[in-house]
PDB file of all heavy atoms in Angstrom:
ATOM      1  N   PRO A   1     143.076 -77.099 -45.141  1.00  0.00           N
ATOM      2  CA  PRO A   1     144.108 -76.341 -45.870  1.00  0.00           C
ATOM      3  C   PRO A   1     143.956 -74.850 -45.609  1.00  0.00           C
ATOM      4  O   PRO A   1     142.847 -74.336 -45.465  1.00  0.00           O
ATOM      5  CB  PRO A   1     143.821 -76.673 -47.340  1.00  0.00           C
ATOM      6  CG  PRO A   1     142.400 -77.130 -47.361  1.00  0.00           C
ATOM      7  CD  PRO A   1     142.157 -77.794 -46.031  1.00  0.00           C
ATOM      8  N   ILE A   2     145.071 -74.127 -45.507  1.00  0.00           N
ATOM      9  CA  ILE A   2     145.058 -72.687 -45.268  1.00  0.00           C
ATOM     10  C   ILE A   2     144.616 -71.971 -46.539  1.00  0.00           C
ATOM     11  O   ILE A   2     145.171 -72.183 -47.614  1.00  0.00           O
ATOM     12  CB  ILE A   2     146.456 -72.201 -44.849  1.00  0.00           C
ATOM     13  CG1 ILE A   2     146.871 -72.884 -43.543  1.00  0.00           C
ATOM     14  CG2 ILE A   2     146.478 -70.686 -44.696  1.00  0.00           C
ATOM     15  CD1 ILE A   2     148.283 -72.566 -43.122  1.00  0.00           C
ATOM     16  N   GLU A   3     143.595 -71.128 -46.399  1.00  0.00           N
ATOM     17  CA  GLU A   3     143.096 -70.385 -47.552  1.00  0.00           C
ATOM     18  C   GLU A   3     144.042 -69.248 -47.905  1.00  0.00           C
ATOM     19  O   GLU A   3     144.415 -68.458 -47.048  1.00  0.00           O
ATOM     20  CB  GLU A   3     141.712 -69.817 -47.246  1.00  0.00           C
ATOM     21  CG  GLU A   3     141.085 -69.092 -48.418  1.00  0.00           C
ATOM     22  CD  GLU A   3     139.701 -68.564 -48.095  1.00  0.00           C
ATOM     23  OE1 GLU A   3     139.206 -68.853 -46.984  1.00  0.00           O
ATOM     24  OE2 GLU A   3     139.131 -67.856 -48.941  1.00  0.00           O
ATOM     25  N   LYS A   4     144.449 -69.170 -49.148  1.00  0.00           N
ATOM     26  CA  LYS A   4     145.349 -68.111 -49.587  1.00  0.00           C
ATOM     27  C   LYS A   4     144.588 -66.798 -49.679  1.00  0.00           C
ATOM     28  O   LYS A   4     143.497 -66.725 -50.229  1.00  0.00           O
ATOM     29  CB  LYS A   4     145.956 -68.455 -50.942  1.00  0.00           C
ATOM     30  CG  LYS A   4     146.884 -69.660 -50.924  1.00  0.00           C
ATOM     31  CD  LYS A   4     147.487 -69.902 -52.286  1.00  0.00           C
ATOM     32  CE  LYS A   4     148.419 -68.783 -52.695  1.00  0.00           C
ATOM     33  NZ  LYS A   4     149.101 -69.053 -53.976  1.00  0.00           N
ATOM     34  N   LEU A   5     145.175 -65.752 -49.107  1.00  0.00           N
ATOM     35  CA  LEU A   5     144.573 -64.437 -49.176  1.00  0.00           C
ATOM     36  C   LEU A   5     144.835 -63.807 -50.543  1.00  0.00           C
ATOM     37  O   LEU A   5     145.878 -64.058 -51.151  1.00  0.00           O
ATOM     38  CB  LEU A   5     145.145 -63.534 -48.073  1.00  0.00           C
ATOM     39  CG  LEU A   5     144.859 -63.984 -46.638  1.00  0.00           C
ATOM     40  CD1 LEU A   5     145.586 -63.057 -45.656  1.00  0.00           C
ATOM     41  CD2 LEU A   5     143.377 -63.984 -46.352  1.00  0.00           C
ATOM     42  N   PRO A   6     143.875 -63.024 -51.046  1.00  0.00           N
ATOM     43  CA  PRO A   6     144.134 -62.369 -52.336  1.00  0.00           C
ATOM     44  C   PRO A   6     145.299 -61.397 -52.213  1.00  0.00           C
ATOM     45  O   PRO A   6     145.513 -60.799 -51.160  1.00  0.00           O
ATOM     46  CB  PRO A   6     142.813 -61.615 -52.601  1.00  0.00           C
ATOM     47  CG  PRO A   6     142.185 -61.458 -51.257  1.00  0.00           C
ATOM     48  CD  PRO A   6     142.592 -62.678 -50.466  1.00  0.00           C
ATOM     49  N   PRO A   7     146.084 -61.247 -53.252  1.00  0.00           N
ATOM     50  CA  PRO A   7     147.237 -60.339 -53.185  1.00  0.00           C
ATOM     51  C   PRO A   7     146.794 -58.897 -53.042  1.00  0.00           C
ATOM     52  O   PRO A   7     145.729 -58.506 -53.512  1.00  0.00           O
ATOM     53  CB  PRO A   7     147.938 -60.579 -54.532  1.00  0.00           C
ATOM     54  CG  PRO A   7     146.857 -61.074 -55.440  1.00  0.00           C
ATOM     55  CD  PRO A   7     145.932 -61.883 -54.569  1.00  0.00           C
ATOM     56  N   GLY A   8     147.591 -58.092 -52.344  1.00  0.00           N
ATOM     57  CA  GLY A   8     147.299 -56.673 -52.184  1.00  0.00           C
ATOM     58  C   GLY A   8     147.763 -55.880 -53.384  1.00  0.00           C
ATOM     59  O   GLY A   8     148.248 -56.436 -54.371  1.00  0.00           O
ATOM     60  N   PRO A   9     147.606 -54.559 -53.321  1.00  0.00           N
ATOM     61  CA  PRO A   9     148.059 -53.720 -54.430  1.00  0.00           C
ATOM     62  C   PRO A   9     149.556 -53.883 -54.670  1.00  0.00           C
ATOM     63  O   PRO A   9     150.327 -54.098 -53.732  1.00  0.00           O
ATOM     64  CB  PRO A   9     147.737 -52.300 -53.955  1.00  0.00           C
ATOM     65  CG  PRO A   9     146.700 -52.471 -52.898  1.00  0.00           C
ATOM     66  CD  PRO A   9     147.007 -53.780 -52.243  1.00  0.00           C
ATOM     67  N   VAL A  10     149.953 -53.790 -55.913  1.00  0.00           N
ATOM     68  CA  VAL A  10     151.361 -53.903 -56.283  1.00  0.00           C
ATOM     69  C   VAL A  10     151.731 -52.702 -57.141  1.00  0.00           C
ATOM     70  O   VAL A  10     150.852 -52.011 -57.678  1.00  0.00           O
ATOM     71  CB  VAL A  10     151.641 -55.212 -57.056  1.00  0.00           C
ATOM     72  CG1 VAL A  10     151.332 -56.422 -56.195  1.00  0.00           C
ATOM     73  CG2 VAL A  10     150.811 -55.257 -58.343  1.00  0.00           C
ATOM     74  N   PRO A  11     153.018 -52.403 -57.267  1.00  0.00           N
ATOM     75  CA  PRO A  11     153.431 -51.276 -58.097  1.00  0.00           C
ATOM     76  C   PRO A  11     152.840 -51.338 -59.500  1.00  0.00           C
ATOM     77  O   PRO A  11     152.856 -52.378 -60.158  1.00  0.00           O
ATOM     78  CB  PRO A  11     154.962 -51.415 -58.127  1.00  0.00           C
ATOM     79  CG  PRO A  11     155.280 -52.043 -56.808  1.00  0.00           C
ATOM     80  CD  PRO A  11     154.164 -53.027 -56.565  1.00  0.00           C
ATOM     81  N   GLY A  12     152.296 -50.224 -59.928  1.00  0.00           N
ATOM     82  CA  GLY A  12     151.677 -50.151 -61.240  1.00  0.00           C
ATOM     83  C   GLY A  12     150.171 -50.262 -61.230  1.00  0.00           C
ATOM     84  O   GLY A  12     149.515 -49.934 -62.221  1.00  0.00           O
ATOM     85  N   ASP A  13     149.580 -50.743 -60.114  1.00  0.00           N
ATOM     86  CA  ASP A  13     148.127 -50.833 -60.029  1.00  0.00           C
ATOM     87  C   ASP A  13     147.510 -49.438 -59.955  1.00  0.00           C
ATOM     88  O   ASP A  13     148.106 -48.519 -59.387  1.00  0.00           O
ATOM     89  CB  ASP A  13     147.713 -51.607 -58.777  1.00  0.00           C
ATOM     90  CG  ASP A  13     147.823 -53.120 -58.957  1.00  0.00           C
ATOM     91  OD1 ASP A  13     148.121 -53.548 -60.089  1.00  0.00           O
ATOM     92  OD2 ASP A  13     147.606 -53.843 -57.973  1.00  0.00           O
ATOM     93  N   PRO A  14     146.293 -49.261 -60.479  1.00  0.00           N
ATOM     94  CA  PRO A  14     145.577 -48.006 -60.259  1.00  0.00           C
ATOM     95  C   PRO A  14     145.272 -47.831 -58.767  1.00  0.00           C
ATOM     96  O   PRO A  14     145.186 -48.803 -58.019  1.00  0.00           O
ATOM     97  CB  PRO A  14     144.280 -48.184 -61.067  1.00  0.00           C
ATOM     98  CG  PRO A  14     144.594 -49.258 -62.054  1.00  0.00           C
ATOM     99  CD  PRO A  14     145.569 -50.176 -61.376  1.00  0.00           C
ATOM    100  N   PHE A  15     145.125 -46.601 -58.319  1.00  0.00           N
ATOM    101  CA  PHE A  15     144.764 -46.337 -56.936  1.00  0.00           C
ATOM    102  C   PHE A  15     143.790 -45.168 -56.894  1.00  0.00           C
ATOM    103  O   PHE A  15     143.710 -44.376 -57.839  1.00  0.00           O
ATOM    104  CB  PHE A  15     145.998 -46.039 -56.075  1.00  0.00           C
ATOM    105  CG  PHE A  15     146.797 -44.850 -56.516  1.00  0.00           C
ATOM    106  CD1 PHE A  15     146.584 -43.591 -55.961  1.00  0.00           C
ATOM    107  CD2 PHE A  15     147.788 -44.981 -57.484  1.00  0.00           C
ATOM    108  CE1 PHE A  15     147.332 -42.489 -56.367  1.00  0.00           C
ATOM    109  CE2 PHE A  15     148.538 -43.888 -57.898  1.00  0.00           C
ATOM    110  CZ  PHE A  15     148.308 -42.636 -57.332  1.00  0.00           C
ATOM    111  N   SER A  16     143.047 -45.079 -55.799  1.00  0.00           N
ATOM    112  CA  SER A  16     141.991 -44.075 -55.681  1.00  0.00           C
ATOM    113  C   SER A  16     142.132 -43.293 -54.384  1.00  0.00           C
ATOM    114  O   SER A  16     142.687 -43.788 -53.401  1.00  0.00           O
ATOM    115  CB  SER A  16     140.611 -44.747 -55.721  1.00  0.00           C
ATOM    116  OG  SER A  16     140.413 -45.437 -56.934  1.00  0.00           O
ATOM    117  N   PHE A  17     141.596 -42.077 -54.392  1.00  0.00           N
ATOM    118  CA  PHE A  17     141.533 -41.267 -53.187  1.00  0.00           C
ATOM    119  C   PHE A  17     140.497 -40.168 -53.403  1.00  0.00           C
ATOM    120  O   PHE A  17     139.927 -40.019 -54.494  1.00  0.00           O
ATOM    121  CB  PHE A  17     142.902 -40.668 -52.833  1.00  0.00           C
ATOM    122  CG  PHE A  17     143.537 -39.855 -53.925  1.00  0.00           C
ATOM    123  CD1 PHE A  17     143.276 -38.493 -54.048  1.00  0.00           C
ATOM    124  CD2 PHE A  17     144.418 -40.444 -54.833  1.00  0.00           C
ATOM    125  CE1 PHE A  17     143.865 -37.737 -55.056  1.00  0.00           C
ATOM    126  CE2 PHE A  17     145.011 -39.703 -55.837  1.00  0.00           C
ATOM    127  CZ  PHE A  17     144.740 -38.345 -55.948  1.00  0.00           C
ATOM    128  N   ARG A  18     140.253 -39.388 -52.353  1.00  0.00           N
ATOM    129  CA  ARG A  18     139.322 -38.263 -52.435  1.00  0.00           C
ATOM    130  C   ARG A  18     140.123 -36.970 -52.305  1.00  0.00           C
ATOM    131  O   ARG A  18     140.904 -36.815 -51.364  1.00  0.00           O
ATOM    132  CB  ARG A  18     138.265 -38.369 -51.339  1.00  0.00           C
ATOM    133  CG  ARG A  18     137.161 -37.314 -51.417  1.00  0.00           C
ATOM    134  CD  ARG A  18     135.976 -37.714 -50.561  1.00  0.00           C
ATOM    135  NE  ARG A  18     135.311 -38.880 -51.140  1.00  0.00           N
ATOM    136  CZ  ARG A  18     134.311 -39.525 -50.540  1.00  0.00           C
ATOM    137  NH1 ARG A  18     133.882 -39.127 -49.355  1.00  0.00           N
ATOM    138  NH2 ARG A  18     133.758 -40.572 -51.141  1.00  0.00           N
ATOM    139  N   ILE A  19     139.897 -36.052 -53.225  1.00  0.00           N
ATOM    140  CA  ILE A  19     140.642 -34.796 -53.263  1.00  0.00           C
ATOM    141  C   ILE A  19     139.667 -33.633 -53.148  1.00  0.00           C
ATOM    142  O   ILE A  19     138.521 -33.722 -53.622  1.00  0.00           O
ATOM    143  CB  ILE A  19     141.486 -34.703 -54.556  1.00  0.00           C
ATOM    144  CG1 ILE A  19     142.407 -33.485 -54.516  1.00  0.00           C
ATOM    145  CG2 ILE A  19     140.614 -34.721 -55.807  1.00  0.00           C
ATOM    146  CD1 ILE A  19     143.438 -33.478 -55.655  1.00  0.00           C
ATOM    147  N   GLY A  20     140.105 -32.534 -52.513  1.00  0.00           N
ATOM    148  CA  GLY A  20     139.214 -31.402 -52.325  1.00  0.00           C
ATOM    149  C   GLY A  20     139.940 -30.073 -52.371  1.00  0.00           C
ATOM    150  O   GLY A  20     141.174 -30.007 -52.346  1.00  0.00           O
ATOM    151  N   THR A  21     139.157 -28.992 -52.424  1.00  0.00           N
ATOM    152  CA  THR A  21     139.681 -27.635 -52.326  1.00  0.00           C
ATOM    153  C   THR A  21     138.740 -26.835 -51.438  1.00  0.00           C
ATOM    154  O   THR A  21     137.511 -26.978 -51.524  1.00  0.00           O
ATOM    155  CB  THR A  21     139.823 -26.974 -53.712  1.00  0.00           C
ATOM    156  OG1 THR A  21     140.394 -25.673 -53.559  1.00  0.00           O
ATOM    157  CG2 THR A  21     138.504 -26.863 -54.440  1.00  0.00           C
ATOM    158  N   LEU A  22     139.323 -25.983 -50.539  1.00  0.00           N
ATOM    159  CA  LEU A  22     138.515 -25.281 -49.552  1.00  0.00           C
ATOM    160  C   LEU A  22     139.167 -23.957 -49.163  1.00  0.00           C
ATOM    161  O   LEU A  22     140.275 -23.940 -48.624  1.00  0.00           O
ATOM    162  CB  LEU A  22     138.354 -26.173 -48.313  1.00  0.00           C
ATOM    163  CG  LEU A  22     137.551 -25.602 -47.143  1.00  0.00           C
ATOM    164  CD1 LEU A  22     136.129 -25.247 -47.565  1.00  0.00           C
ATOM    165  CD2 LEU A  22     137.541 -26.587 -45.983  1.00  0.00           C
ATOM    166  N   ASN A  23     138.483 -22.884 -49.454  1.00  0.00           N
ATOM    167  CA  ASN A  23     138.871 -21.566 -48.957  1.00  0.00           C
ATOM    168  C   ASN A  23     138.260 -21.418 -47.562  1.00  0.00           C
ATOM    169  O   ASN A  23     137.033 -21.366 -47.414  1.00  0.00           O
ATOM    170  CB  ASN A  23     138.354 -20.467 -49.893  1.00  0.00           C
ATOM    171  CG  ASN A  23     138.820 -19.078 -49.485  1.00  0.00           C
ATOM    172  OD1 ASN A  23     138.865 -18.735 -48.311  1.00  0.00           O
ATOM    173  ND2 ASN A  23     139.153 -18.261 -50.486  1.00  0.00           N
ATOM    174  N   ILE A  24     139.100 -21.345 -46.531  1.00  0.00           N
ATOM    175  CA  ILE A  24     138.602 -21.426 -45.157  1.00  0.00           C
ATOM    176  C   ILE A  24     138.161 -20.070 -44.602  1.00  0.00           C
ATOM    177  O   ILE A  24     137.702 -20.010 -43.457  1.00  0.00           O
ATOM    178  CB  ILE A  24     139.644 -22.062 -44.219  1.00  0.00           C
ATOM    179  CG1 ILE A  24     140.830 -21.136 -43.978  1.00  0.00           C
ATOM    180  CG2 ILE A  24     140.100 -23.410 -44.759  1.00  0.00           C
ATOM    181  CD1 ILE A  24     141.746 -21.611 -42.866  1.00  0.00           C
ATOM    182  N   LEU A  25     138.289 -18.980 -45.391  1.00  0.00           N
ATOM    183  CA  LEU A  25     137.934 -17.624 -44.974  1.00  0.00           C
ATOM    184  C   LEU A  25     138.807 -17.182 -43.806  1.00  0.00           C
ATOM    185  O   LEU A  25     138.601 -17.544 -42.651  1.00  0.00           O
ATOM    186  CB  LEU A  25     136.447 -17.536 -44.584  1.00  0.00           C
ATOM    187  CG  LEU A  25     135.925 -16.124 -44.266  1.00  0.00           C
ATOM    188  CD1 LEU A  25     136.098 -15.179 -45.445  1.00  0.00           C
ATOM    189  CD2 LEU A  25     134.462 -16.182 -43.841  1.00  0.00           C
ATOM    190  N   GLY A  26     139.828 -16.406 -44.146  1.00  0.00           N
ATOM    191  CA  GLY A  26     140.848 -16.018 -43.178  1.00  0.00           C
ATOM    192  C   GLY A  26     140.318 -15.252 -41.982  1.00  0.00           C
ATOM    193  O   GLY A  26     139.261 -14.606 -42.040  1.00  0.00           O
ATOM    194  N   SER A  27     141.077 -15.334 -40.894  1.00  0.00           N
ATOM    195  CA  SER A  27     140.690 -14.659 -39.646  1.00  0.00           C
ATOM    196  C   SER A  27     140.542 -13.158 -39.825  1.00  0.00           C
ATOM    197  O   SER A  27     139.785 -12.509 -39.084  1.00  0.00           O
ATOM    198  CB  SER A  27     141.739 -14.937 -38.567  1.00  0.00           C
ATOM    199  OG  SER A  27     141.842 -16.309 -38.300  1.00  0.00           O
ATOM    200  N   GLN A  28     141.255 -12.554 -40.807  1.00  0.00           N
ATOM    201  CA  GLN A  28     141.176 -11.115 -41.012  1.00  0.00           C
ATOM    202  C   GLN A  28     139.859 -10.707 -41.665  1.00  0.00           C
ATOM    203  O   GLN A  28     139.497  -9.525 -41.666  1.00  0.00           O
ATOM    204  CB  GLN A  28     142.368 -10.632 -41.847  1.00  0.00           C
ATOM    205  CG  GLN A  28     142.246 -10.845 -43.343  1.00  0.00           C
ATOM    206  CD  GLN A  28     142.673 -12.248 -43.782  1.00  0.00           C
ATOM    207  OE1 GLN A  28     142.611 -13.202 -43.015  1.00  0.00           O
ATOM    208  NE2 GLN A  28     143.119 -12.337 -45.037  1.00  0.00           N
ATOM    209  N   HIS A  29     139.132 -11.677 -42.225  1.00  0.00           N
ATOM    210  CA  HIS A  29     137.879 -11.366 -42.909  1.00  0.00           C
ATOM    211  C   HIS A  29     136.648 -11.560 -42.028  1.00  0.00           C
ATOM    212  O   HIS A  29     135.608 -10.923 -42.250  1.00  0.00           O
ATOM    213  CB  HIS A  29     137.716 -12.243 -44.156  1.00  0.00           C
ATOM    214  CG  HIS A  29     138.741 -11.982 -45.207  1.00  0.00           C
ATOM    215  ND1 HIS A  29     139.001 -10.724 -45.707  1.00  0.00           N
ATOM    216  CD2 HIS A  29     139.588 -12.830 -45.860  1.00  0.00           C
ATOM    217  CE1 HIS A  29     139.951 -10.794 -46.637  1.00  0.00           C
ATOM    218  NE2 HIS A  29     140.333 -12.070 -46.741  1.00  0.00           N
ATOM    219  N   LYS A  30     136.750 -12.453 -41.034  1.00  0.00           N
ATOM    220  CA  LYS A  30     135.591 -12.753 -40.191  1.00  0.00           C
ATOM    221  C   LYS A  30     136.080 -13.265 -38.845  1.00  0.00           C
ATOM    222  O   LYS A  30     137.074 -13.987 -38.771  1.00  0.00           O
ATOM    223  CB  LYS A  30     134.698 -13.808 -40.870  1.00  0.00           C
ATOM    224  CG  LYS A  30     133.428 -14.147 -40.106  1.00  0.00           C
ATOM    225  CD  LYS A  30     132.605 -15.191 -40.864  1.00  0.00           C
ATOM    226  CE  LYS A  30     131.353 -15.556 -40.080  1.00  0.00           C
ATOM    227  NZ  LYS A  30     130.537 -16.576 -40.792  1.00  0.00           N
ATOM    228  N   SER A  31     135.392 -12.876 -37.787  1.00  0.00           N
ATOM    229  CA  SER A  31     135.792 -13.289 -36.438  1.00  0.00           C
ATOM    230  C   SER A  31     135.627 -14.797 -36.254  1.00  0.00           C
ATOM    231  O   SER A  31     134.966 -15.464 -37.057  1.00  0.00           O
ATOM    232  CB  SER A  31     134.950 -12.557 -35.393  1.00  0.00           C
ATOM    233  OG  SER A  31     133.582 -12.899 -35.533  1.00  0.00           O
ATOM    234  N   GLY A  32     136.213 -15.287 -35.169  1.00  0.00           N
ATOM    235  CA  GLY A  32     136.115 -16.714 -34.869  1.00  0.00           C
ATOM    236  C   GLY A  32     136.937 -17.570 -35.811  1.00  0.00           C
ATOM    237  O   GLY A  32     136.575 -18.719 -36.101  1.00  0.00           O
ATOM    238  N   GLY A  33     138.063 -17.023 -36.269  1.00  0.00           N
ATOM    239  CA  GLY A  33     138.867 -17.744 -37.256  1.00  0.00           C
ATOM    240  C   GLY A  33     139.363 -19.099 -36.773  1.00  0.00           C
ATOM    241  O   GLY A  33     139.366 -20.075 -37.536  1.00  0.00           O
ATOM    242  N   THR A  34     139.778 -19.197 -35.520  1.00  0.00           N
ATOM    243  CA  THR A  34     140.319 -20.471 -35.028  1.00  0.00           C
ATOM    244  C   THR A  34     139.220 -21.513 -34.827  1.00  0.00           C
ATOM    245  O   THR A  34     139.407 -22.692 -35.148  1.00  0.00           O
ATOM    246  CB  THR A  34     141.094 -20.255 -33.720  1.00  0.00           C
ATOM    247  OG1 THR A  34     140.261 -19.598 -32.758  1.00  0.00           O
ATOM    248  CG2 THR A  34     142.341 -19.417 -33.966  1.00  0.00           C
ATOM    249  N   SER A  35     138.084 -21.069 -34.282  1.00  0.00           N
ATOM    250  CA  SER A  35     136.992 -22.033 -34.096  1.00  0.00           C
ATOM    251  C   SER A  35     136.448 -22.489 -35.442  1.00  0.00           C
ATOM    252  O   SER A  35     136.082 -23.662 -35.622  1.00  0.00           O
ATOM    253  CB  SER A  35     135.876 -21.430 -33.241  1.00  0.00           C
ATOM    254  OG  SER A  35     135.326 -20.277 -33.861  1.00  0.00           O
ATOM    255  N   ARG A  36     136.411 -21.603 -36.419  1.00  0.00           N
ATOM    256  CA  ARG A  36     135.972 -21.994 -37.759  1.00  0.00           C
ATOM    257  C   ARG A  36     136.976 -22.957 -38.396  1.00  0.00           C
ATOM    258  O   ARG A  36     136.582 -23.928 -39.054  1.00  0.00           O
ATOM    259  CB  ARG A  36     135.786 -20.748 -38.635  1.00  0.00           C
ATOM    260  CG  ARG A  36     134.608 -19.892 -38.202  1.00  0.00           C
ATOM    261  CD  ARG A  36     134.303 -18.760 -39.180  1.00  0.00           C
ATOM    262  NE  ARG A  36     135.328 -17.719 -39.188  1.00  0.00           N
ATOM    263  CZ  ARG A  36     136.270 -17.580 -40.099  1.00  0.00           C
ATOM    264  NH1 ARG A  36     136.339 -18.434 -41.120  1.00  0.00           N
ATOM    265  NH2 ARG A  36     137.153 -16.590 -40.033  1.00  0.00           N
ATOM    266  N   ALA A  37     138.257 -22.698 -38.193  1.00  0.00           N
ATOM    267  CA  ALA A  37     139.276 -23.606 -38.729  1.00  0.00           C
ATOM    268  C   ALA A  37     139.150 -24.992 -38.100  1.00  0.00           C
ATOM    269  O   ALA A  37     139.312 -26.022 -38.778  1.00  0.00           O
ATOM    270  CB  ALA A  37     140.671 -23.035 -38.475  1.00  0.00           C
ATOM    271  N   SER A  38     138.854 -25.048 -36.794  1.00  0.00           N
ATOM    272  CA  SER A  38     138.675 -26.325 -36.120  1.00  0.00           C
ATOM    273  C   SER A  38     137.480 -27.089 -36.698  1.00  0.00           C
ATOM    274  O   SER A  38     137.554 -28.300 -36.943  1.00  0.00           O
ATOM    275  CB  SER A  38     138.484 -26.098 -34.617  1.00  0.00           C
ATOM    276  OG  SER A  38     138.270 -27.316 -33.940  1.00  0.00           O
ATOM    277  N   ALA A  39     136.377 -26.359 -36.925  1.00  0.00           N
ATOM    278  CA  ALA A  39     135.191 -26.998 -37.501  1.00  0.00           C
ATOM    279  C   ALA A  39     135.479 -27.523 -38.904  1.00  0.00           C
ATOM    280  O   ALA A  39     135.031 -28.621 -39.284  1.00  0.00           O
ATOM    281  CB  ALA A  39     134.033 -26.004 -37.526  1.00  0.00           C
TER     282      ALA A  39
END
């Protein structure tokens, strides 16, 4: 018999993610602004 897969998320379910905040230090304040932004 084919095993039924558990149902996925549906509208109304709780959901999770990772959130952040980052001041990247603008190019006018320190050299290497683009390479720092890439990093």
